[in-house]
Amino acid sequence: MDISIKDKRALITGGSGGIGSAIAEVFAKAGAKVCVSYHSSADAADEIVKEIKAGGGEAFSAKADVAKREEVEELFSKMDGIFGGVDILVNCAGIDGKRVLTWEIAPEEFEKVIMVNLMGTFHCSREALRRMVGQKSGVILNVSSVHEVIPWTGHTAYTVAKAGMAMMTQSISQEAAEHGVRILAISPGAIRTPINKDVWSDPEQMKDLNTKIPMNRIGEPDEVAKVALMMCSDWASYMTGSSVFVDGGMINYPSFQKGG
């Protein structure tokens, strides 16, 4: 059976590429009206909107820096004006930042990662909740990472942000449950996106990466998007406050696969 979110109004931040664009396309095929929000890739966002419309769907693109509260407020005002509100928010906008040890990183670089990944999730969730609580329905899906639980040398800011996102998911889910609003997180592992092309396009780096994945392969964006669709649909109507890992088993200590 097909999963439907027909006529649901979905806002996807970071929707112009990688996992975000895959989610936008899968949601549109499932009947949602989609806002593809982007930070700098206007052409990519417009192309996704064009493809959705060509397939008979409804979509528009909107620029916003989720780290800036005023731009997020304007983004949601556009949702109100064009779609009349929001039923689904996917917080996918994120950056991993420069790979640098904590005692060598510039504070502003650390803060930038926190502002986009964690504060951006807060700003968008706050605006969505102000609408969803009143309508007694809605879903917020935070795109986290396996690094909400796996440390990552050189990326402390990113791991801190994703761990914070996981706890934000749980805490807000407590607050919103009685109002009919569900809050979930989806936590991808290694997925073939432009952000990590330097890894999956290099056979030696891929050989090393596969040792960290029991399924011995990198994931594809649509494999995350399909799970995201299920989580945002009525098929997951009794789910809230959970992180679902889509990672090929990466969090399951793959180094123990052949003994301790």
Protein backbone atom coordinates (compact mmCIF):
# COMPACT_ATOMS: atom_id res chain seq x y z
CA MET A 1 0.00 0.00 0.00
CA ASP A 2 1.17 3.50 -0.77
CA ILE A 3 1.75 5.96 2.06
CA SER A 4 -0.17 9.18 1.54
CA ILE A 5 0.21 12.65 3.03
CA LYS A 6 -2.18 14.13 0.50
CA ASP A 7 -2.77 17.88 0.86
CA LYS A 8 -0.50 18.15 3.90
CA ARG A 9 1.44 21.41 3.89
CA ALA A 10 5.13 20.54 4.30
CA LEU A 11 8.03 22.89 4.90
CA ILE A 12 11.47 21.39 4.34
CA THR A 13 14.49 23.44 5.36
CA GLY A 14 17.72 22.57 3.58
CA GLY A 15 15.47 21.32 0.81
CA SER A 16 17.65 22.26 -2.13
CA GLY A 17 20.05 19.32 -2.05
CA GLY A 18 21.05 15.95 -0.64
CA ILE A 19 18.64 14.44 1.87
CA GLY A 20 16.42 17.54 1.91
CA SER A 21 15.72 17.48 -1.81
CA ALA A 22 15.01 13.73 -1.69
CA ILE A 23 12.49 14.32 1.09
CA ALA A 24 10.86 17.16 -0.87
CA GLU A 25 10.44 14.94 -3.93
CA VAL A 26 9.15 11.91 -2.01
CA PHE A 27 6.69 14.04 -0.03
CA ALA A 28 5.38 15.67 -3.20
CA LYS A 29 4.82 12.27 -4.82
CA ALA A 30 2.87 11.28 -1.71
CA GLY A 31 0.55 14.25 -2.24
CA ALA A 32 2.00 16.95 -0.01
CA LYS A 33 2.18 20.64 -0.88
CA VAL A 34 5.86 21.44 -0.45
CA CYS A 35 7.92 24.50 0.39
CA VAL A 36 11.56 23.94 -0.56
CA SER A 37 13.51 26.25 1.73
CA TYR A 38 17.14 26.97 0.91
CA HIS A 39 20.01 29.13 2.12
CA SER A 40 22.07 29.80 -1.01
CA SER A 41 21.19 27.27 -3.74
CA ALA A 42 18.30 29.12 -5.42
CA ASP A 43 18.75 27.39 -8.78
CA ALA A 44 18.72 23.93 -7.21
CA ALA A 45 15.62 24.74 -5.16
CA ASP A 46 13.82 26.14 -8.21
CA GLU A 47 14.68 23.02 -10.21
CA ILE A 48 13.12 20.79 -7.53
CA VAL A 49 9.99 22.97 -7.52
CA LYS A 50 9.87 22.72 -11.31
CA GLU A 51 10.08 18.93 -11.17
CA ILE A 52 7.35 18.73 -8.54
CA LYS A 53 5.02 20.94 -10.58
CA ALA A 54 5.77 18.95 -13.72
CA GLY A 55 4.56 15.88 -11.85
CA GLY A 56 1.29 17.60 -10.97
CA GLY A 57 2.26 18.69 -7.46
CA GLU A 58 2.19 22.02 -5.65
CA ALA A 59 5.44 23.64 -4.50
CA PHE A 60 7.34 26.87 -4.07
CA SER A 61 10.85 27.79 -2.99
CA ALA A 62 11.84 30.29 -0.32
CA LYS A 63 15.21 31.58 0.86
CA ALA A 64 15.97 31.65 4.59
CA ASP A 65 18.92 31.47 6.93
CA VAL A 66 17.49 29.33 9.73
CA ALA A 67 20.09 30.69 12.16
CA LYS A 68 18.35 34.08 11.95
CA ARG A 69 15.02 34.30 13.78
CA GLU A 70 13.70 37.13 11.62
CA GLU A 71 14.24 35.17 8.40
CA VAL A 72 12.54 32.11 9.89
CA GLU A 73 9.54 34.22 10.88
CA GLU A 74 9.35 35.54 7.32
CA LEU A 75 9.61 31.99 5.95
CA PHE A 76 6.62 30.85 7.99
CA SER A 77 4.68 33.95 6.98
CA LYS A 78 5.18 32.84 3.37
CA MET A 79 3.83 29.41 4.28
CA ASP A 80 0.79 31.09 5.82
CA GLY A 81 0.25 33.27 2.79
CA ILE A 82 0.69 30.58 0.12
CA PHE A 83 -0.48 27.37 1.79
CA GLY A 84 -2.49 28.78 4.71
CA GLY A 85 -0.28 27.21 7.38
CA VAL A 86 1.91 24.19 8.01
CA ASP A 87 1.21 20.54 8.85
CA ILE A 88 4.70 19.08 8.55
CA LEU A 89 8.06 20.68 9.30
CA VAL A 90 11.27 18.88 8.36
CA ASN A 91 14.32 20.51 9.95
CA CYS A 92 16.97 19.40 7.47
CA ALA A 93 19.13 22.53 7.16
CA GLY A 94 22.57 21.83 8.58
CA ILE A 95 26.33 22.10 8.23
CA ASP A 96 29.15 20.00 9.63
CA GLY A 97 31.72 22.79 9.72
CA LYS A 98 35.48 22.63 9.36
CA ARG A 99 37.31 19.57 10.66
CA VAL A 100 39.45 20.97 13.48
CA LEU A 101 40.32 19.97 17.03
CA THR A 102 38.40 21.75 19.78
CA TRP A 103 41.38 23.62 21.21
CA GLU A 104 42.27 24.92 17.77
CA ILE A 105 38.85 25.96 16.48
CA ALA A 106 37.89 29.62 16.28
CA PRO A 107 34.92 30.27 18.59
CA GLU A 108 32.94 31.86 15.77
CA GLU A 109 33.31 28.67 13.68
CA PHE A 110 32.01 26.56 16.58
CA GLU A 111 29.13 28.98 17.12
CA LYS A 112 28.19 28.92 13.43
CA VAL A 113 27.64 25.16 13.48
CA ILE A 114 25.58 25.42 16.67
CA MET A 115 23.53 28.31 15.32
CA VAL A 116 22.58 26.58 12.06
CA ASN A 117 22.05 23.04 13.34
CA LEU A 118 20.64 23.59 16.82
CA MET A 119 19.31 27.13 17.00
CA GLY A 120 17.96 26.81 13.46
CA THR A 121 15.98 23.76 14.57
CA PHE A 122 14.69 25.73 17.56
CA HIS A 123 13.66 28.80 15.56
CA CYS A 124 11.77 26.72 12.99
CA SER A 125 10.20 24.41 15.56
CA ARG A 126 9.01 27.34 17.62
CA GLU A 127 7.25 28.92 14.65
CA ALA A 128 5.73 25.60 13.60
CA LEU A 129 4.52 24.81 17.11
CA ARG A 130 2.85 28.19 17.44
CA ARG A 131 0.65 27.09 14.53
CA MET A 132 0.37 23.35 15.13
CA VAL A 133 -0.62 23.57 18.79
CA GLY A 134 -3.51 25.83 17.88
CA GLN A 135 -4.75 23.51 15.12
CA LYS A 136 -4.25 20.45 17.37
CA SER A 137 -2.25 18.58 14.74
CA GLY A 138 1.13 18.46 13.06
CA VAL A 139 4.46 16.69 12.80
CA ILE A 140 7.98 18.02 13.23
CA LEU A 141 10.78 15.80 11.95
CA ASN A 142 14.32 16.75 12.91
CA VAL A 143 17.04 15.41 10.65
CA SER A 144 19.72 14.49 13.15
CA SER A 145 22.65 12.10 12.62
CA VAL A 146 24.32 8.99 13.98
CA HIS A 147 26.61 11.56 15.57
CA GLU A 148 23.98 12.34 18.14
CA VAL A 149 25.45 9.23 19.81
CA ILE A 150 28.78 8.60 18.02
CA PRO A 151 31.70 10.95 18.86
CA TRP A 152 33.52 12.44 15.85
CA THR A 153 37.03 13.79 16.23
CA GLY A 154 37.39 17.23 14.71
CA HIS A 155 33.63 17.85 14.65
CA THR A 156 32.75 18.52 18.27
CA ALA A 157 30.36 21.35 17.41
CA TYR A 158 28.44 19.10 15.03
CA THR A 159 28.12 16.23 17.50
CA VAL A 160 27.06 18.61 20.27
CA ALA A 161 24.42 20.14 18.00
CA LYS A 162 23.02 16.77 16.95
CA ALA A 163 22.97 15.44 20.51
CA GLY A 164 21.15 18.62 21.50
CA MET A 165 18.71 18.11 18.65
CA ALA A 166 17.92 14.62 19.97
CA MET A 167 17.12 15.95 23.43
CA MET A 168 15.16 18.84 21.94
CA THR A 169 13.09 16.26 20.08
CA GLN A 170 12.31 14.39 23.28
CA SER A 171 11.59 17.45 25.39
CA ILE A 172 9.33 19.16 22.86
CA SER A 173 7.52 15.88 22.26
CA GLN A 174 6.53 15.87 25.94
CA GLU A 175 5.22 19.41 25.69
CA ALA A 176 3.32 18.95 22.43
CA ALA A 177 1.84 15.45 22.80
CA GLU A 178 -1.35 16.54 24.55
CA HIS A 179 -1.92 19.05 21.74
CA GLY A 180 -1.92 16.40 19.01
CA VAL A 181 1.54 17.32 17.69
CA ARG A 182 4.23 14.67 17.17
CA ILE A 183 7.97 15.42 17.28
CA LEU A 184 10.44 12.90 15.87
CA ALA A 185 14.06 12.67 14.73
CA ILE A 186 15.54 10.70 11.87
CA SER A 187 19.25 10.02 12.21
CA PRO A 188 21.10 9.09 9.00
CA GLY A 189 24.50 7.49 8.83
CA ALA A 190 26.77 7.77 5.80
CA ILE A 191 24.55 8.88 2.90
CA ARG A 192 25.67 9.65 -0.65
CA THR A 193 25.18 13.44 -0.77
CA PRO A 194 27.25 16.34 -2.16
CA ILE A 195 28.52 17.22 1.34
CA ASN A 196 30.60 14.01 1.50
CA LYS A 197 31.42 13.51 -2.17
CA ASP A 198 35.13 13.64 -1.37
CA VAL A 199 34.67 10.40 0.57
CA TRP A 200 32.36 8.33 -1.67
CA SER A 201 34.22 9.32 -4.82
CA ASP A 202 37.52 8.05 -3.39
CA PRO A 203 37.89 4.21 -3.39
CA GLU A 204 40.38 4.24 -0.51
CA GLN A 205 38.20 6.42 1.71
CA MET A 206 35.15 4.33 0.84
CA LYS A 207 37.03 1.16 1.79
CA ASP A 208 37.69 2.65 5.21
CA LEU A 209 34.12 3.96 5.56
CA ASN A 210 32.62 0.57 4.77
CA THR A 211 34.46 -0.94 7.75
CA LYS A 212 32.25 1.30 9.89
CA ILE A 213 29.01 0.08 8.28
CA PRO A 214 27.86 -3.53 8.86
CA MET A 215 25.82 -3.44 5.63
CA ASN A 216 29.11 -2.61 3.86
CA ARG A 217 27.75 0.18 1.67
CA ILE A 218 26.83 3.85 1.75
CA GLY A 219 23.17 4.81 1.90
CA GLU A 220 21.17 6.74 -0.69
CA PRO A 221 19.12 9.91 0.01
CA ASP A 222 15.83 8.28 -1.02
CA GLU A 223 16.39 5.55 1.58
CA VAL A 224 16.23 8.25 4.23
CA ALA A 225 13.38 10.08 2.51
CA LYS A 226 11.13 7.02 2.43
CA VAL A 227 11.53 6.49 6.18
CA ALA A 228 10.89 10.20 6.72
CA LEU A 229 7.64 9.89 4.77
CA MET A 230 6.44 7.02 6.94
CA MET A 231 7.31 8.93 10.12
CA CYS A 232 5.40 12.02 9.01
CA SER A 233 2.35 10.03 7.90
CA ASP A 234 -0.52 8.49 9.85
CA TRP A 235 1.31 5.17 9.64
CA ALA A 236 3.41 6.52 12.52
CA SER A 237 0.48 8.04 14.43
CA TYR A 238 1.59 6.49 17.75
CA MET A 239 5.23 7.58 17.45
CA THR A 240 6.65 10.65 19.15
CA GLY A 241 9.89 11.59 20.90
CA SER A 242 11.94 8.91 19.12
CA SER A 243 15.10 8.97 17.02
CA VAL A 244 15.05 6.47 14.15
CA PHE A 245 18.49 5.53 12.81
CA VAL A 246 18.85 4.96 9.07
CA ASP A 247 22.50 4.02 9.05
CA GLY A 248 23.18 0.50 7.76
CA GLY A 249 23.96 -0.51 11.33
CA MET A 250 26.67 2.12 11.95
CA ILE A 251 25.68 2.69 15.59
CA ASN A 252 25.87 -1.05 16.33
CA TYR A 253 29.62 -1.16 17.02
CA PRO A 254 30.68 -2.72 13.67
CA SER A 255 34.21 -3.33 14.98
CA PHE A 256 32.67 -6.12 17.10
CA GLN A 257 31.13 -7.81 14.06
CA LYS A 258 33.87 -10.43 13.96
CA GLY A 259 34.62 -10.86 17.63
CA GLY A 260 35.69 -8.84 20.65
